[in-house]
């Protein structure tokens, strides 16, 4: 006899204990939670990092180092095998098309093409980045690649700030100029 031979009747599946179902069940009234307090309440329990009012360790220790979490470069990866499977010979592949085919998600994803798989179709592929092997595979099949230029966040913010300043510095037309422009149009 092995463990797999044990039947349901013999106790293969232990029944769930139903608590708070009357005094005679042995788990009535407080349902095994004791009396009052944080642990007895629904959603209760102490936060794992709580130290009971003592200054927490993450505030006692000095902060050192650097994290690029806010401005890291994250790419959505698409393999050459997926391009071969989803596109016909001579197609143009760009992030918009990949999004319509549901190969990538996100509002403004940056795409990197990797070389997993093989490709025997001529494709024109536009993406933000390519691995060296993916370039070889696509160009070896007779296709072409185009790297989509991307501005870094600092340059994008600077351009936005400069365009806002240029809008503010343009002099507003006076009432006489507005009337003159209106009469010229008529």
N, C-alpha and C. Protein backbone atom coordinates (compact mmCIF):
# COMPACT_ATOMS: atom_id res chain seq x y z
N UNK A 1 0.85 -1.19 0.00
CA UNK A 1 0.00 0.00 0.00
C UNK A 1 0.89 1.25 0.00
N UNK A 2 0.55 2.21 -0.86
CA UNK A 2 1.31 3.46 -0.94
C UNK A 2 0.40 4.63 -0.57
N UNK A 3 1.01 5.79 -0.42
CA UNK A 3 0.22 6.97 -0.06
C UNK A 3 -0.83 7.30 -1.12
N UNK A 4 -0.52 7.01 -2.41
CA UNK A 4 -1.47 7.31 -3.47
C UNK A 4 -2.69 6.40 -3.44
N UNK A 5 -2.61 5.28 -2.68
CA UNK A 5 -3.75 4.36 -2.60
C UNK A 5 -4.75 4.75 -1.53
N UNK A 6 -4.39 5.72 -0.66
CA UNK A 6 -5.30 6.10 0.43
C UNK A 6 -6.55 6.74 -0.17
N UNK A 7 -7.70 6.30 0.27
CA UNK A 7 -8.95 6.82 -0.29
C UNK A 7 -9.40 8.04 0.49
N UNK A 8 -10.42 8.70 -0.02
CA UNK A 8 -10.99 9.87 0.65
C UNK A 8 -11.57 9.47 2.01
N UNK A 9 -12.19 8.31 2.07
CA UNK A 9 -12.80 7.86 3.32
C UNK A 9 -11.73 7.65 4.40
N UNK A 10 -10.56 7.22 3.99
CA UNK A 10 -9.50 6.93 4.96
C UNK A 10 -8.77 8.19 5.40
N UNK A 11 -9.08 9.35 4.83
CA UNK A 11 -8.50 10.59 5.30
C UNK A 11 -7.43 11.18 4.40
N UNK A 12 -7.56 11.00 3.12
CA UNK A 12 -6.61 11.63 2.20
C UNK A 12 -6.68 13.14 2.32
N UNK A 13 -7.93 13.66 2.39
CA UNK A 13 -8.13 15.10 2.50
C UNK A 13 -8.73 15.41 3.86
N UNK A 14 -7.96 16.11 4.68
CA UNK A 14 -8.45 16.48 5.99
C UNK A 14 -9.46 17.61 5.85
N UNK A 15 -10.59 17.52 6.54
CA UNK A 15 -11.62 18.55 6.42
C UNK A 15 -11.18 19.83 7.09
N UNK A 16 -11.59 20.92 6.52
CA UNK A 16 -11.28 22.24 7.06
C UNK A 16 -12.01 22.42 8.38
N UNK A 17 -11.33 23.03 9.37
CA UNK A 17 -11.98 23.26 10.66
C UNK A 17 -12.86 24.49 10.55
N UNK A 18 -14.14 24.35 10.84
CA UNK A 18 -15.08 25.46 10.76
C UNK A 18 -15.17 26.08 12.14
N UNK A 19 -14.59 27.27 12.29
CA UNK A 19 -14.56 27.92 13.59
C UNK A 19 -15.77 28.84 13.75
N UNK A 20 -16.07 29.22 14.98
CA UNK A 20 -17.17 30.12 15.33
C UNK A 20 -18.51 29.56 14.89
N UNK A 21 -18.71 28.26 15.13
CA UNK A 21 -19.97 27.63 14.78
C UNK A 21 -20.61 26.99 16.01
N UNK A 22 -20.62 27.74 17.10
CA UNK A 22 -21.31 27.26 18.29
C UNK A 22 -20.35 26.75 19.35
N UNK A 23 -20.81 26.83 20.61
CA UNK A 23 -19.98 26.44 21.75
C UNK A 23 -19.59 24.97 21.70
N UNK A 24 -20.52 24.11 21.27
CA UNK A 24 -20.25 22.68 21.32
C UNK A 24 -19.21 22.23 20.30
N UNK A 25 -18.88 23.08 19.36
CA UNK A 25 -17.87 22.69 18.37
C UNK A 25 -16.46 22.72 18.95
N UNK A 26 -16.31 23.40 20.10
CA UNK A 26 -14.99 23.52 20.69
C UNK A 26 -14.23 24.73 20.18
N UNK A 27 -14.73 25.36 19.11
CA UNK A 27 -14.10 26.56 18.56
C UNK A 27 -15.14 27.66 18.40
N UNK A 28 -16.04 27.75 19.35
CA UNK A 28 -17.08 28.78 19.28
C UNK A 28 -16.61 30.06 19.92
N UNK A 29 -17.53 30.97 20.17
CA UNK A 29 -17.27 32.25 20.82
C UNK A 29 -16.15 33.02 20.16
N UNK A 30 -14.90 32.91 20.66
CA UNK A 30 -13.82 33.74 20.10
C UNK A 30 -13.12 33.06 18.93
N UNK A 31 -13.53 31.86 18.57
CA UNK A 31 -13.03 31.15 17.39
C UNK A 31 -11.52 30.95 17.44
N UNK A 32 -10.99 30.72 18.62
CA UNK A 32 -9.56 30.42 18.74
C UNK A 32 -8.67 31.64 18.69
N UNK A 33 -9.27 32.85 18.72
CA UNK A 33 -8.46 34.06 18.61
C UNK A 33 -8.16 34.69 19.97
N UNK A 34 -8.65 34.15 21.02
CA UNK A 34 -8.43 34.73 22.34
C UNK A 34 -9.37 35.90 22.58
N UNK A 35 -9.06 36.72 23.60
CA UNK A 35 -9.94 37.83 23.95
C UNK A 35 -9.37 39.16 23.51
N UNK A 36 -10.15 39.93 22.80
CA UNK A 36 -9.85 41.31 22.41
C UNK A 36 -8.44 41.47 21.83
N UNK A 37 -8.05 42.70 21.63
CA UNK A 37 -6.69 42.99 21.17
C UNK A 37 -6.54 42.97 19.66
N UNK A 38 -5.35 43.36 19.23
CA UNK A 38 -5.05 43.54 17.80
C UNK A 38 -5.22 42.24 17.02
N UNK A 39 -4.72 41.13 17.57
CA UNK A 39 -4.73 39.87 16.82
C UNK A 39 -6.13 39.29 16.69
N UNK A 40 -7.06 39.70 17.57
CA UNK A 40 -8.40 39.13 17.51
C UNK A 40 -9.26 39.80 16.45
N UNK A 41 -8.85 40.97 16.01
CA UNK A 41 -9.66 41.73 15.06
C UNK A 41 -9.38 41.29 13.62
N UNK A 42 -10.37 41.53 12.77
CA UNK A 42 -10.19 41.25 11.35
C UNK A 42 -9.20 42.26 10.77
N UNK A 43 -8.26 41.79 9.97
CA UNK A 43 -7.24 42.67 9.42
C UNK A 43 -6.18 43.04 10.42
N UNK A 44 -6.21 42.42 11.60
CA UNK A 44 -5.28 42.76 12.66
C UNK A 44 -3.93 42.13 12.44
N UNK A 45 -3.03 42.44 13.33
CA UNK A 45 -1.67 41.92 13.25
C UNK A 45 -0.70 43.08 13.17
N UNK A 46 0.47 42.91 13.70
CA UNK A 46 1.46 43.97 13.74
C UNK A 46 2.24 43.96 12.44
N UNK A 47 2.53 45.14 11.92
CA UNK A 47 3.31 45.28 10.69
C UNK A 47 4.68 44.63 10.89
N UNK A 48 5.20 43.91 9.91
CA UNK A 48 6.46 43.19 10.10
C UNK A 48 7.63 44.09 10.51
N UNK A 49 7.65 45.36 10.07
CA UNK A 49 8.75 46.25 10.40
C UNK A 49 8.48 47.08 11.65
N UNK A 50 7.33 46.86 12.29
CA UNK A 50 7.01 47.63 13.48
C UNK A 50 7.91 47.22 14.64
N UNK A 51 8.40 48.21 15.38
CA UNK A 51 9.26 47.91 16.52
C UNK A 51 8.65 48.46 17.80
N UNK A 52 7.34 48.63 17.82
CA UNK A 52 6.63 48.98 19.03
C UNK A 52 6.93 50.36 19.56
N UNK A 53 7.17 51.33 18.71
CA UNK A 53 7.42 52.69 19.15
C UNK A 53 8.90 53.04 19.18
N UNK A 54 9.75 52.02 19.21
CA UNK A 54 11.20 52.27 19.14
C UNK A 54 11.53 52.81 17.76
N UNK A 55 12.56 53.63 17.66
CA UNK A 55 12.96 54.18 16.36
C UNK A 55 13.31 53.01 15.43
N UNK A 56 12.63 52.87 14.29
CA UNK A 56 12.85 51.70 13.42
C UNK A 56 14.27 51.66 12.87
N UNK A 57 14.70 50.45 12.54
CA UNK A 57 16.09 50.27 12.10
C UNK A 57 16.36 51.02 10.80
N UNK A 58 15.37 51.09 9.90
CA UNK A 58 15.63 51.78 8.64
C UNK A 58 15.74 53.28 8.81
N UNK A 59 15.32 53.80 9.98
CA UNK A 59 15.55 55.22 10.27
C UNK A 59 16.81 55.44 11.10
N UNK A 60 17.24 54.39 11.80
CA UNK A 60 18.46 54.52 12.60
C UNK A 60 19.71 54.43 11.74
N UNK A 61 19.64 53.69 10.64
CA UNK A 61 20.82 53.47 9.81
C UNK A 61 20.99 54.59 8.79
N UNK A 62 22.24 54.96 8.48
CA UNK A 62 22.46 56.01 7.48
C UNK A 62 22.12 55.52 6.08
N UNK A 63 21.73 56.45 5.24
CA UNK A 63 21.40 56.09 3.85
C UNK A 63 22.62 56.37 2.98
N UNK A 64 23.05 55.36 2.25
CA UNK A 64 24.21 55.51 1.40
C UNK A 64 23.89 54.93 0.03
N UNK A 65 24.67 55.35 -0.95
CA UNK A 65 24.54 54.74 -2.27
C UNK A 65 23.57 55.50 -3.15
N UNK A 66 23.21 54.88 -4.26
CA UNK A 66 22.42 55.53 -5.29
C UNK A 66 21.52 54.50 -5.94
N UNK A 67 20.33 54.91 -6.27
CA UNK A 67 19.41 54.03 -6.99
C UNK A 67 18.92 54.77 -8.23
N UNK A 68 18.97 54.09 -9.36
CA UNK A 68 18.46 54.72 -10.58
C UNK A 68 17.04 54.26 -10.89
N UNK A 69 16.30 53.88 -9.87
CA UNK A 69 14.95 53.34 -10.05
C UNK A 69 14.06 54.29 -10.86
N UNK A 70 14.15 55.59 -10.61
CA UNK A 70 13.25 56.54 -11.27
C UNK A 70 13.59 56.81 -12.72
N UNK A 71 14.86 56.62 -13.12
CA UNK A 71 15.21 56.91 -14.50
C UNK A 71 16.02 55.80 -15.13
N UNK A 72 15.65 54.56 -14.82
CA UNK A 72 16.30 53.42 -15.43
C UNK A 72 15.75 53.22 -16.84
N UNK A 73 16.49 52.53 -17.69
CA UNK A 73 16.03 52.22 -19.04
C UNK A 73 15.45 50.82 -19.04
N UNK A 74 14.14 50.74 -19.19
CA UNK A 74 13.49 49.43 -19.25
C UNK A 74 12.98 49.20 -20.66
N UNK A 75 13.25 48.02 -21.17
CA UNK A 75 12.82 47.67 -22.51
C UNK A 75 11.85 46.50 -22.46
N UNK A 76 10.91 46.49 -23.40
CA UNK A 76 10.06 45.33 -23.61
C UNK A 76 10.76 44.48 -24.66
N UNK A 77 10.95 43.22 -24.35
CA UNK A 77 11.77 42.36 -25.20
C UNK A 77 10.89 41.60 -26.18
N UNK A 78 11.32 41.60 -27.45
CA UNK A 78 10.67 40.81 -28.50
C UNK A 78 11.76 39.99 -29.18
N UNK A 79 11.53 38.69 -29.31
CA UNK A 79 12.52 37.82 -29.93
C UNK A 79 12.27 37.70 -31.42
N UNK A 80 13.33 37.37 -32.16
CA UNK A 80 13.26 37.21 -33.62
C UNK A 80 12.27 36.10 -33.98
N UNK A 81 12.18 35.06 -33.15
CA UNK A 81 11.25 33.95 -33.42
C UNK A 81 9.80 34.45 -33.46
N UNK A 82 9.45 35.41 -32.59
CA UNK A 82 8.09 35.95 -32.59
C UNK A 82 7.83 36.77 -33.85
N UNK A 83 8.85 37.48 -34.34
CA UNK A 83 8.70 38.24 -35.59
C UNK A 83 8.47 37.28 -36.75
N UNK A 84 9.23 36.17 -36.78
CA UNK A 84 9.08 35.19 -37.85
C UNK A 84 7.71 34.55 -37.83
N UNK A 85 7.17 34.33 -36.62
CA UNK A 85 5.87 33.67 -36.48
C UNK A 85 4.71 34.58 -36.86
N UNK A 86 4.82 35.89 -36.55
CA UNK A 86 3.67 36.78 -36.66
C UNK A 86 3.64 37.65 -37.92
N UNK A 87 4.73 37.76 -38.65
CA UNK A 87 4.77 38.68 -39.78
C UNK A 87 5.11 37.97 -41.07
N UNK A 88 4.59 38.52 -42.19
CA UNK A 88 4.84 37.95 -43.50
C UNK A 88 6.08 38.59 -44.11
N UNK A 89 6.56 38.00 -45.19
CA UNK A 89 7.74 38.50 -45.88
C UNK A 89 7.49 39.91 -46.41
N UNK A 90 8.41 40.84 -46.13
CA UNK A 90 8.30 42.21 -46.62
C UNK A 90 7.55 43.16 -45.71
N UNK A 91 7.08 42.70 -44.56
CA UNK A 91 6.34 43.57 -43.63
C UNK A 91 7.28 44.55 -42.92
N UNK A 92 6.68 45.65 -42.47
CA UNK A 92 7.40 46.61 -41.63
C UNK A 92 6.92 46.43 -40.20
N UNK A 93 7.87 46.27 -39.30
CA UNK A 93 7.56 46.03 -37.89
C UNK A 93 8.00 47.25 -37.09
N UNK A 94 7.07 47.85 -36.35
CA UNK A 94 7.41 48.96 -35.46
C UNK A 94 6.62 48.79 -34.16
N UNK A 95 6.89 49.59 -33.13
CA UNK A 95 6.19 49.40 -31.85
C UNK A 95 4.67 49.46 -31.94
N UNK A 96 4.14 50.31 -32.83
CA UNK A 96 2.67 50.40 -32.96
C UNK A 96 2.09 49.09 -33.48
N UNK A 97 2.74 48.50 -34.47
CA UNK A 97 2.26 47.23 -35.03
C UNK A 97 2.39 46.11 -33.99
N UNK A 98 3.51 46.11 -33.26
CA UNK A 98 3.71 45.09 -32.23
C UNK A 98 2.63 45.20 -31.15
N UNK A 99 2.23 46.44 -30.85
CA UNK A 99 1.20 46.64 -29.84
C UNK A 99 -0.16 46.14 -30.34
N UNK A 100 -0.47 46.41 -31.62
CA UNK A 100 -1.73 45.92 -32.19
C UNK A 100 -1.78 44.40 -32.21
N UNK A 101 -0.62 43.77 -32.42
CA UNK A 101 -0.56 42.30 -32.47
C UNK A 101 -0.45 41.71 -31.05
N UNK A 102 -0.43 42.59 -30.03
CA UNK A 102 -0.38 42.21 -28.62
C UNK A 102 0.91 41.45 -28.26
N UNK A 103 1.99 41.80 -28.93
CA UNK A 103 3.28 41.24 -28.57
C UNK A 103 3.94 42.07 -27.46
N UNK A 104 3.50 43.33 -27.32
CA UNK A 104 4.00 44.19 -26.25
C UNK A 104 2.82 44.90 -25.61
N UNK A 105 3.00 45.36 -24.36
CA UNK A 105 1.97 46.12 -23.67
C UNK A 105 2.56 47.42 -23.15
N UNK A 106 1.69 48.29 -22.67
CA UNK A 106 2.14 49.54 -22.06
C UNK A 106 1.74 50.72 -22.90
N UNK A 107 1.75 51.92 -22.29
CA UNK A 107 1.32 53.11 -23.00
C UNK A 107 2.36 53.58 -24.00
N UNK A 108 3.63 53.56 -23.61
CA UNK A 108 4.69 54.00 -24.51
C UNK A 108 5.91 53.10 -24.32
N UNK A 109 5.79 51.81 -24.73
CA UNK A 109 6.87 50.87 -24.45
C UNK A 109 8.09 51.10 -25.34
N UNK A 110 9.26 50.86 -24.77
CA UNK A 110 10.49 50.90 -25.56
C UNK A 110 10.85 49.45 -25.87
N UNK A 111 11.15 49.18 -27.12
CA UNK A 111 11.28 47.81 -27.60
C UNK A 111 12.73 47.48 -27.88
N UNK A 112 13.14 46.30 -27.43
CA UNK A 112 14.47 45.78 -27.77
C UNK A 112 14.28 44.43 -28.43
N UNK A 113 14.95 44.23 -29.57
CA UNK A 113 14.85 42.98 -30.32
C UNK A 113 16.04 42.11 -29.94
N UNK A 114 15.74 40.85 -29.54
CA UNK A 114 16.77 39.88 -29.22
C UNK A 114 16.74 38.75 -30.23
N UNK A 115 17.82 37.95 -30.28
CA UNK A 115 18.03 37.01 -31.38
C UNK A 115 17.60 35.58 -31.10
N UNK A 116 16.72 35.36 -30.15
CA UNK A 116 16.29 33.98 -29.88
C UNK A 116 15.41 33.49 -31.02
N UNK A 117 15.80 32.41 -31.66
CA UNK A 117 15.06 31.86 -32.79
C UNK A 117 15.75 32.17 -34.09
N UNK A 118 15.08 31.82 -35.19
CA UNK A 118 15.65 32.08 -36.52
C UNK A 118 14.65 32.86 -37.36
N UNK A 119 15.17 33.46 -38.42
CA UNK A 119 14.34 34.30 -39.28
C UNK A 119 14.71 34.04 -40.73
N UNK A 120 13.70 33.78 -41.57
CA UNK A 120 13.95 33.54 -42.99
C UNK A 120 13.15 34.51 -43.85
N UNK A 121 12.63 35.59 -43.25
CA UNK A 121 11.80 36.55 -43.98
C UNK A 121 12.49 37.90 -44.00
N UNK A 122 12.27 38.64 -45.09
CA UNK A 122 12.80 40.01 -45.17
C UNK A 122 11.85 40.93 -44.44
N UNK A 123 12.30 41.46 -43.32
CA UNK A 123 11.48 42.37 -42.53
C UNK A 123 12.23 43.68 -42.32
N UNK A 124 11.47 44.78 -42.32
CA UNK A 124 12.03 46.06 -41.92
C UNK A 124 11.60 46.27 -40.48
N UNK A 125 12.56 46.28 -39.56
CA UNK A 125 12.25 46.31 -38.14
C UNK A 125 12.69 47.64 -37.55
N UNK A 126 11.75 48.34 -36.92
CA UNK A 126 12.04 49.58 -36.21
C UNK A 126 11.88 49.32 -34.72
N UNK A 127 12.93 49.61 -33.96
CA UNK A 127 12.88 49.41 -32.51
C UNK A 127 13.86 50.37 -31.85
N UNK A 128 13.77 50.45 -30.52
CA UNK A 128 14.65 51.36 -29.78
C UNK A 128 16.04 50.78 -29.59
N UNK A 129 16.16 49.44 -29.59
CA UNK A 129 17.47 48.81 -29.41
C UNK A 129 17.46 47.42 -30.02
N UNK A 130 18.64 46.96 -30.44
CA UNK A 130 18.83 45.63 -31.01
C UNK A 130 20.05 45.01 -30.37
N UNK A 131 20.01 43.70 -30.13
CA UNK A 131 21.23 43.03 -29.71
C UNK A 131 22.08 42.82 -30.97
N UNK A 132 23.38 42.64 -30.78
CA UNK A 132 24.29 42.48 -31.92
C UNK A 132 23.90 41.26 -32.75
N UNK A 133 23.55 40.17 -32.08
CA UNK A 133 23.17 38.95 -32.78
C UNK A 133 21.85 39.14 -33.55
N UNK A 134 20.91 39.91 -32.98
CA UNK A 134 19.64 40.17 -33.66
C UNK A 134 19.87 40.97 -34.94
N UNK A 135 20.79 41.93 -34.90
CA UNK A 135 21.14 42.69 -36.12
C UNK A 135 21.63 41.74 -37.20
N UNK A 136 22.52 40.82 -36.82
CA UNK A 136 23.07 39.86 -37.79
C UNK A 136 21.97 39.00 -38.39
N UNK A 137 21.07 38.51 -37.54
CA UNK A 137 20.01 37.61 -38.01
C UNK A 137 19.07 38.33 -38.98
N UNK A 138 18.65 39.55 -38.63
CA UNK A 138 17.70 40.30 -39.47
C UNK A 138 18.35 40.69 -40.79
N UNK A 139 19.57 41.23 -40.72
CA UNK A 139 20.26 41.64 -41.95
C UNK A 139 20.69 40.43 -42.77
N UNK A 140 20.99 39.31 -42.11
CA UNK A 140 21.35 38.08 -42.82
C UNK A 140 20.19 37.51 -43.62
N UNK A 141 18.96 37.76 -43.16
CA UNK A 141 17.77 37.29 -43.88
C UNK A 141 17.37 38.26 -44.98
N UNK A 142 18.13 39.36 -45.16
CA UNK A 142 17.82 40.33 -46.20
C UNK A 142 16.97 41.48 -45.71
N UNK A 143 16.72 41.55 -44.44
CA UNK A 143 15.89 42.61 -43.89
C UNK A 143 16.70 43.85 -43.55
N UNK A 144 16.02 44.85 -43.00
CA UNK A 144 16.68 46.10 -42.62
C UNK A 144 16.25 46.46 -41.20
N UNK A 145 17.13 47.18 -40.51
CA UNK A 145 16.80 47.63 -39.18
C UNK A 145 16.87 49.15 -39.12
N UNK A 146 16.06 49.71 -38.26
CA UNK A 146 16.07 51.16 -38.04
C UNK A 146 15.95 51.39 -36.54
N UNK A 147 16.93 52.09 -35.98
CA UNK A 147 16.92 52.38 -34.55
C UNK A 147 16.11 53.65 -34.32
N UNK A 148 15.11 53.57 -33.45
CA UNK A 148 14.30 54.73 -33.10
C UNK A 148 15.08 55.55 -32.09
N UNK A 149 15.34 56.80 -32.42
CA UNK A 149 16.11 57.65 -31.51
C UNK A 149 15.25 58.00 -30.30
N UNK A 150 15.87 58.01 -29.15
CA UNK A 150 15.15 58.35 -27.93
C UNK A 150 15.94 59.39 -27.15
N UNK A 151 15.22 60.42 -26.74
CA UNK A 151 15.87 61.46 -25.95
C UNK A 151 15.88 61.05 -24.49
N UNK A 152 16.95 61.40 -23.80
CA UNK A 152 17.00 61.07 -22.40
C UNK A 152 16.04 61.98 -21.63
N UNK A 153 15.60 61.59 -20.44
CA UNK A 153 14.59 62.35 -19.71
C UNK A 153 15.02 63.79 -19.40
N UNK A 154 16.31 64.01 -19.18
CA UNK A 154 16.78 65.36 -18.87
C UNK A 154 16.60 66.26 -20.08
N UNK A 155 16.97 65.77 -21.27
CA UNK A 155 16.81 66.57 -22.48
C UNK A 155 15.34 66.83 -22.78
N UNK A 156 14.48 65.82 -22.53
CA UNK A 156 13.05 65.98 -22.78
C UNK A 156 12.47 67.06 -21.86
N UNK A 157 12.88 67.05 -20.59
CA UNK A 157 12.39 68.05 -19.63
C UNK A 157 12.90 69.43 -20.01
N UNK A 158 14.16 69.52 -20.46
CA UNK A 158 14.73 70.80 -20.85
C UNK A 158 13.98 71.38 -22.06
N UNK A 159 13.68 70.53 -23.05
CA UNK A 159 12.95 70.99 -24.24
C UNK A 159 11.56 71.48 -23.87
N UNK A 160 10.91 70.76 -22.96
CA UNK A 160 9.56 71.17 -22.52
C UNK A 160 9.60 72.52 -21.82
N UNK A 161 10.61 72.70 -20.97
CA UNK A 161 10.76 73.96 -20.24
C UNK A 161 11.03 75.11 -21.20
N UNK A 162 11.89 74.88 -22.20
CA UNK A 162 12.22 75.94 -23.16
C UNK A 162 11.02 76.32 -24.02
N UNK A 163 10.20 75.32 -24.40
CA UNK A 163 9.02 75.64 -25.21
C UNK A 163 8.01 76.46 -24.40
N UNK A 164 7.91 76.16 -23.10
CA UNK A 164 7.00 76.94 -22.24
C UNK A 164 7.50 78.37 -22.09
N UNK A 165 8.81 78.55 -21.99
CA UNK A 165 9.38 79.90 -21.88
C UNK A 165 9.16 80.69 -23.16
N UNK A 166 9.32 80.02 -24.32
CA UNK A 166 9.15 80.74 -25.59
C UNK A 166 7.71 81.19 -25.78
N UNK A 167 6.76 80.38 -25.28
CA UNK A 167 5.35 80.80 -25.38
C UNK A 167 5.09 82.01 -24.50
N UNK A 168 5.75 82.09 -23.35
CA UNK A 168 5.54 83.21 -22.44
C UNK A 168 6.17 84.49 -22.96
N UNK A 169 7.29 84.40 -23.67
CA UNK A 169 8.01 85.61 -24.10
C UNK A 169 7.41 86.24 -25.35
N UNK A 170 6.57 85.52 -26.09
CA UNK A 170 5.97 86.12 -27.28
C UNK A 170 5.01 87.23 -26.84
N UNK A 171 5.15 88.43 -27.42
CA UNK A 171 4.25 89.52 -27.02
C UNK A 171 2.83 89.27 -27.53
N UNK A 172 1.88 89.56 -26.67
CA UNK A 172 0.48 89.39 -27.06
C UNK A 172 0.06 90.56 -27.95
N UNK A 173 -0.73 90.28 -28.99
CA UNK A 173 -1.15 91.38 -29.87
C UNK A 173 -2.10 92.33 -29.13
N UNK A 174 -1.97 93.61 -29.45
CA UNK A 174 -2.85 94.61 -28.84
C UNK A 174 -4.21 94.57 -29.51
N UNK A 175 -5.18 95.35 -28.95
CA UNK A 175 -6.52 95.39 -29.54
C UNK A 175 -6.49 95.96 -30.95
N UNK A 176 -5.65 96.97 -31.15
CA UNK A 176 -5.57 97.57 -32.48
C UNK A 176 -5.03 96.58 -33.50
N UNK A 177 -4.02 95.81 -33.10
CA UNK A 177 -3.45 94.81 -34.01
C UNK A 177 -4.48 93.73 -34.32
N UNK A 178 -5.27 93.32 -33.31
CA UNK A 178 -6.31 92.32 -33.53
C UNK A 178 -7.34 92.82 -34.52
N UNK A 179 -7.76 94.10 -34.37
CA UNK A 179 -8.74 94.68 -35.29
C UNK A 179 -8.18 94.73 -36.69
N UNK A 180 -6.91 95.13 -36.79
CA UNK A 180 -6.27 95.24 -38.09
C UNK A 180 -6.20 93.87 -38.77
N UNK A 181 -5.80 92.85 -38.02
CA UNK A 181 -5.73 91.50 -38.57
C UNK A 181 -7.09 91.00 -39.01
N UNK A 182 -8.14 91.33 -38.24
CA UNK A 182 -9.50 90.91 -38.58
C UNK A 182 -9.97 91.60 -39.85
N UNK A 183 -9.64 92.90 -40.00
CA UNK A 183 -10.06 93.63 -41.21
C UNK A 183 -9.28 93.15 -42.43
N UNK A 184 -8.03 92.74 -42.23
CA UNK A 184 -7.23 92.21 -43.34
C UNK A 184 -7.80 90.90 -43.86
N UNK A 185 -8.33 90.08 -42.94
CA UNK A 185 -8.89 88.80 -43.36
C UNK A 185 -10.18 88.97 -44.15
N UNK A 186 -10.90 90.07 -43.89
CA UNK A 186 -12.21 90.28 -44.57
C UNK A 186 -11.99 90.85 -45.91
